[in-house]
Amino acid sequence: MNDLIFDVGMYLGEDTEFYLKKGFRVVGVEADPANCAAVAQRLGDDVASGRLIIVNAAVDKQPGRIPFYRNLDIAVWATAELDWVDRSISLGTRVERIEVDAVHMERLLAAYGIPYYMKVDIEGRDMLCVEALRNFRDQPKYLSSESSKTALADVRTEIELMTALGYRDFKVVPQHAVSKQVPPNPSREGRYLDWRFPFGASGLFGEEAPGKWLDAEGAIRAYRPIFRAYRLVGDKPLIRSARVRKWLKRLGLETGWHDTHARLGNT
């Protein structure tokens, strides 16, 4: 069995540690050197054994040195995308510019192999990782990426790309509910863990990811009410009344980020 997971957007290793304790090997890709150092210290035994490989680089179209922007108020909003930097500033958070090494995702896949599961959460550059899979015959059995909040058409494009790669089943998983996820017992992926996910984690994956598997059109339909909520009370809301926003939230109109999980179909 393929026991390799790519954690692209490792941050502070919230998911990496979970994968390791479930018995998987991990390649953790993280742009911020401070985060890499913190994970290397905390999970030093796994690094020493070779079960965890940390790649300190941002994913980009070309190798080299590129600007990277830490978010000093919401660390998981760190990004190399200038549009996302502008969004962060417009929402009242502060950023700090540093320079980091950049790597093409194709090179990482060629160097370490196609994983069983590839988690991608790199604030605006997720599709660079998914697009790199076009150059390989084999694909990860499971894939997840943070979906766009800009337009439903963008989400359709993301799902169409995954479909073109052979993914047939999808789940729409809200990030704001990850802390409520409970690993099933018996386990459906790796060994069982009694585990609670901290803020910033992507959570359960594969057959353990919450929700029903949907076809591509079903997943897009599931995103429609999410985008209605984004328009009403999202980053640039039509409704600014705090009382109305609170009432809409009670009705289930959540405006947090969502991940698209995908399962490879029969080939």
Protein backbone atom coordinates (compact mmCIF):
# COMPACT_ATOMS: atom_id res chain seq x y z
CA MET A 1 0.00 0.00 0.00
CA ASN A 2 1.15 3.55 -0.75
CA ASP A 3 1.68 5.13 2.68
CA LEU A 4 2.92 8.55 1.50
CA ILE A 5 1.05 11.81 2.10
CA PHE A 6 1.93 15.24 0.77
CA ASP A 7 1.02 18.05 3.17
CA VAL A 8 1.36 21.12 0.94
CA GLY A 9 0.88 24.11 3.19
CA MET A 10 2.20 22.37 6.30
CA TYR A 11 2.09 25.52 8.45
CA LEU A 12 2.83 24.35 12.01
CA GLY A 13 2.31 20.67 11.23
CA GLU A 14 -1.25 20.46 12.54
CA ASP A 15 -2.12 17.86 9.91
CA THR A 16 1.37 16.42 9.45
CA GLU A 17 1.48 15.17 13.02
CA PHE A 18 -1.93 13.50 12.59
CA TYR A 19 -0.82 11.73 9.42
CA LEU A 20 2.40 10.51 11.04
CA LYS A 21 0.59 9.12 14.08
CA LYS A 22 -1.82 7.30 11.78
CA GLY A 23 1.19 5.50 10.32
CA PHE A 24 1.83 7.45 7.12
CA ARG A 25 5.05 8.95 5.82
CA VAL A 26 4.83 12.66 5.06
CA VAL A 27 6.42 15.19 2.75
CA GLY A 28 5.58 18.55 4.31
CA VAL A 29 5.90 21.59 2.03
CA GLU A 30 6.00 24.96 3.78
CA ALA A 31 7.23 28.36 2.63
CA ASP A 32 7.86 30.02 6.00
CA PRO A 33 11.26 29.00 7.43
CA ALA A 34 10.12 29.76 10.98
CA ASN A 35 7.27 27.26 10.65
CA CYS A 36 9.61 24.66 9.20
CA ALA A 37 12.03 25.08 12.11
CA ALA A 38 9.21 24.74 14.65
CA VAL A 39 7.91 21.53 13.04
CA ALA A 40 11.40 20.09 12.70
CA GLN A 41 11.98 20.63 16.40
CA ARG A 42 8.62 19.24 17.55
CA LEU A 43 8.68 16.24 15.22
CA GLY A 44 12.43 15.73 15.25
CA ASP A 45 12.24 11.97 15.75
CA ASP A 46 10.16 11.60 12.58
CA VAL A 47 12.60 13.77 10.65
CA ALA A 48 15.54 11.70 11.93
CA SER A 49 13.85 8.43 10.95
CA GLY A 50 13.03 9.72 7.47
CA ARG A 51 9.29 9.39 7.98
CA LEU A 52 8.95 13.17 7.67
CA ILE A 53 10.66 15.16 4.95
CA ILE A 54 10.30 18.95 5.23
CA VAL A 55 10.62 21.01 2.08
CA ASN A 56 11.11 24.68 2.97
CA ALA A 57 9.85 26.34 -0.22
CA ALA A 58 6.86 28.05 -1.76
CA VAL A 59 5.15 26.47 -4.76
CA ASP A 60 5.61 28.60 -7.86
CA LYS A 61 5.65 28.29 -11.65
CA GLN A 62 9.43 28.74 -11.68
CA PRO A 63 12.20 27.92 -9.19
CA GLY A 64 14.17 30.76 -7.61
CA ARG A 65 13.61 33.33 -4.87
CA ILE A 66 10.20 34.99 -4.53
CA PRO A 67 8.44 37.35 -2.10
CA PHE A 68 6.29 35.68 0.55
CA TYR A 69 3.96 37.50 2.92
CA ARG A 70 3.46 36.42 6.50
CA ASN A 71 0.21 37.47 8.10
CA LEU A 72 0.98 38.84 11.55
CA ASP A 73 -2.60 38.53 12.80
CA ILE A 74 -3.94 35.34 11.15
CA ALA A 75 -0.92 33.15 10.48
CA VAL A 76 -2.70 30.71 8.16
CA TRP A 77 -3.36 33.58 5.71
CA ALA A 78 0.33 33.71 4.76
CA THR A 79 0.62 33.75 0.98
CA ALA A 80 2.74 34.41 -2.08
CA GLU A 81 -0.25 35.77 -4.03
CA LEU A 82 -0.44 39.57 -4.18
CA ASP A 83 -4.23 39.53 -4.64
CA TRP A 84 -4.51 37.62 -1.39
CA VAL A 85 -2.18 40.06 0.32
CA ASP A 86 -4.48 42.91 -0.74
CA ARG A 87 -7.47 40.98 0.60
CA SER A 88 -5.75 40.41 3.95
CA ILE A 89 -4.92 44.11 4.29
CA SER A 90 -8.45 45.13 3.30
CA LEU A 91 -9.78 42.89 6.09
CA GLY A 92 -7.63 44.72 8.64
CA THR A 93 -4.71 42.34 9.09
CA ARG A 94 -1.01 43.17 8.92
CA VAL A 95 1.51 41.49 6.63
CA GLU A 96 5.29 41.14 6.63
CA ARG A 97 7.28 40.58 3.42
CA ILE A 98 10.12 38.07 3.38
CA GLU A 99 11.91 36.20 0.57
CA VAL A 100 11.81 32.42 0.26
CA ASP A 101 12.91 29.68 -2.11
CA ALA A 102 10.37 28.59 -4.72
CA VAL A 103 9.89 25.14 -6.25
CA HIS A 104 7.75 23.72 -9.03
CA MET A 105 5.32 21.09 -7.72
CA GLU A 106 6.18 18.74 -10.57
CA ARG A 107 9.75 18.48 -9.26
CA LEU A 108 8.55 17.47 -5.79
CA LEU A 109 6.26 14.80 -7.20
CA ALA A 110 9.08 13.46 -9.37
CA ALA A 111 11.51 13.46 -6.45
CA TYR A 112 9.35 11.87 -3.76
CA GLY A 113 6.69 9.98 -5.69
CA ILE A 114 2.93 10.22 -6.15
CA PRO A 115 1.30 10.15 -2.72
CA TYR A 116 -1.72 8.22 -1.53
CA TYR A 117 -3.26 11.54 -0.46
CA MET A 118 -2.27 15.09 -1.32
CA LYS A 119 -3.57 17.89 0.87
CA VAL A 120 -3.14 21.38 -0.59
CA ASP A 121 -3.83 24.62 1.27
CA ILE A 122 -1.48 27.38 0.13
CA GLU A 123 -3.69 30.47 -0.04
CA GLY A 124 -4.36 31.07 -3.69
CA ARG A 125 -1.91 28.65 -5.30
CA ASP A 126 -3.66 25.32 -4.78
CA MET A 127 -4.35 24.76 -8.45
CA LEU A 128 -0.62 24.99 -9.28
CA CYS A 129 -0.26 21.74 -7.34
CA VAL A 130 -3.26 20.08 -8.95
CA GLU A 131 -2.19 21.14 -12.45
CA ALA A 132 1.24 19.55 -11.88
CA LEU A 133 -0.47 16.16 -11.68
CA ARG A 134 -1.24 16.39 -15.41
CA ASN A 135 2.36 15.39 -16.09
CA PHE A 136 2.07 12.01 -14.34
CA ARG A 137 0.35 8.81 -15.35
CA ASP A 138 -0.59 7.90 -11.76
CA GLN A 139 -2.56 10.16 -9.43
CA PRO A 140 -3.10 10.34 -5.66
CA LYS A 141 -6.09 8.23 -4.67
CA TYR A 142 -7.35 11.17 -2.61
CA LEU A 143 -6.85 14.90 -3.05
CA SER A 144 -8.06 17.98 -1.20
CA SER A 145 -7.65 21.68 -1.92
CA GLU A 146 -9.00 24.92 -0.52
CA SER A 147 -11.73 26.16 -2.84
CA SER A 148 -12.05 29.67 -4.22
CA LYS A 149 -14.30 32.20 -2.49
CA THR A 150 -14.27 34.58 -5.44
CA ALA A 151 -16.81 33.01 -7.80
CA LEU A 152 -18.72 29.78 -8.24
CA ALA A 153 -17.29 29.63 -11.78
CA ASP A 154 -13.82 29.30 -10.25
CA VAL A 155 -14.96 26.31 -8.20
CA ARG A 156 -16.42 24.73 -11.33
CA THR A 157 -13.05 25.19 -13.06
CA GLU A 158 -11.28 23.56 -10.09
CA ILE A 159 -13.61 20.56 -10.12
CA GLU A 160 -13.38 20.24 -13.91
CA LEU A 161 -9.59 20.07 -13.60
CA MET A 162 -9.86 17.31 -10.99
CA THR A 163 -12.37 15.48 -13.18
CA ALA A 164 -9.98 15.66 -16.13
CA LEU A 165 -7.36 13.97 -13.93
CA GLY A 166 -9.72 11.08 -13.19
CA TYR A 167 -11.42 12.18 -9.97
CA ARG A 168 -15.07 11.19 -9.90
CA ASP A 169 -16.28 11.65 -6.30
CA PHE A 170 -16.22 14.84 -4.25
CA LYS A 171 -16.97 16.15 -0.78
CA VAL A 172 -17.42 19.77 0.30
CA VAL A 173 -15.92 20.17 3.78
CA PRO A 174 -16.23 23.41 5.81
CA GLN A 175 -13.00 24.46 7.46
CA HIS A 176 -14.82 26.18 10.32
CA ALA A 177 -16.13 22.77 11.46
CA VAL A 178 -12.81 20.90 11.37
CA SER A 179 -12.32 21.29 15.13
CA LYS A 180 -15.56 19.32 15.63
CA GLN A 181 -14.40 16.36 13.55
CA VAL A 182 -13.93 13.07 15.41
CA PRO A 183 -11.92 10.23 13.82
CA PRO A 184 -14.09 7.14 13.31
CA ASN A 185 -13.44 3.95 15.24
CA PRO A 186 -12.62 1.58 13.65
CA SER A 187 -10.38 3.67 11.44
CA ARG A 188 -10.95 3.89 7.68
CA GLU A 189 -7.53 5.38 6.97
CA GLY A 190 -4.39 4.13 8.71
CA ARG A 191 -4.47 3.37 12.41
CA TYR A 192 -7.10 4.75 14.78
CA LEU A 193 -6.34 7.88 16.80
CA ASP A 194 -8.31 9.64 19.50
CA TRP A 195 -7.61 13.09 18.06
CA ARG A 196 -8.93 16.65 18.08
CA PHE A 197 -7.89 19.09 15.39
CA PRO A 198 -6.60 22.57 16.28
CA PHE A 199 -7.35 25.77 14.38
CA GLY A 200 -5.63 25.74 11.00
CA ALA A 201 -5.89 22.00 10.43
CA SER A 202 -7.54 20.50 7.35
CA GLY A 203 -8.75 17.51 9.34
CA LEU A 204 -9.87 14.06 8.29
CA PHE A 205 -9.17 12.81 4.79
CA GLY A 206 -9.99 10.04 2.37
CA GLU A 207 -12.80 7.75 3.49
CA GLU A 208 -12.80 9.46 6.89
CA ALA A 209 -13.60 12.93 5.51
CA PRO A 210 -17.08 13.98 6.66
CA GLY A 211 -20.10 14.08 4.37
CA LYS A 212 -21.36 12.09 1.41
CA TRP A 213 -19.45 11.55 -1.78
CA LEU A 214 -21.03 13.53 -4.63
CA ASP A 215 -20.50 13.55 -8.36
CA ALA A 216 -19.03 16.69 -9.93
CA GLU A 217 -22.36 18.39 -10.57
CA GLY A 218 -23.56 17.47 -7.09
CA ALA A 219 -20.49 19.13 -5.58
CA ILE A 220 -21.09 22.30 -7.60
CA ARG A 221 -24.72 22.35 -6.45
CA ALA A 222 -23.50 22.01 -2.86
CA TYR A 223 -21.37 25.12 -3.35
CA ARG A 224 -24.26 27.28 -4.58
CA PRO A 225 -25.74 28.13 -1.14
CA ILE A 226 -22.21 28.67 0.15
CA PHE A 227 -21.63 31.35 -2.49
CA ARG A 228 -25.02 32.94 -1.73
CA ALA A 229 -23.79 33.25 1.85
CA TYR A 230 -20.49 34.74 0.65
CA ARG A 231 -22.40 37.41 -1.27
CA LEU A 232 -24.67 38.24 1.65
CA VAL A 233 -22.29 38.21 4.60
CA GLY A 234 -18.82 37.33 3.27
CA ASP A 235 -15.64 39.38 2.89
CA LYS A 236 -17.49 42.10 0.90
CA PRO A 237 -21.01 41.70 2.31
CA LEU A 238 -24.23 43.06 0.90
CA ILE A 239 -25.61 42.91 4.46
CA ARG A 240 -23.59 44.74 7.10
CA SER A 241 -26.01 44.67 10.02
CA ALA A 242 -24.43 42.60 12.79
CA ARG A 243 -27.85 41.48 14.00
CA VAL A 244 -28.94 40.28 10.57
CA ARG A 245 -25.59 38.55 10.03
CA LYS A 246 -26.00 36.75 13.35
CA TRP A 247 -29.52 35.66 12.38
CA LEU A 248 -28.32 34.38 9.01
CA LYS A 249 -25.56 32.43 10.74
CA ARG A 250 -28.17 30.73 12.94
CA LEU A 251 -29.88 29.65 9.71
CA GLY A 252 -26.67 27.93 8.66
CA LEU A 253 -25.31 30.58 6.29
CA GLU A 254 -21.62 30.13 7.19
CA THR A 255 -19.06 32.18 5.27
CA GLY A 256 -15.86 30.38 6.21
CA TRP A 257 -13.49 28.66 3.82
CA HIS A 258 -14.30 25.24 2.36
CA ASP A 259 -12.15 22.41 1.06
CA THR A 260 -12.97 20.21 -1.89
CA HIS A 261 -12.02 16.57 -1.29
CA ALA A 262 -11.76 14.30 -4.33
CA ARG A 263 -11.55 10.54 -4.79
CA LEU A 264 -9.98 8.95 -7.83
CA GLY A 265 -12.36 6.93 -10.00
CA ASN A 266 -11.69 3.55 -11.59
CA THR A 267 -9.12 3.78 -14.37
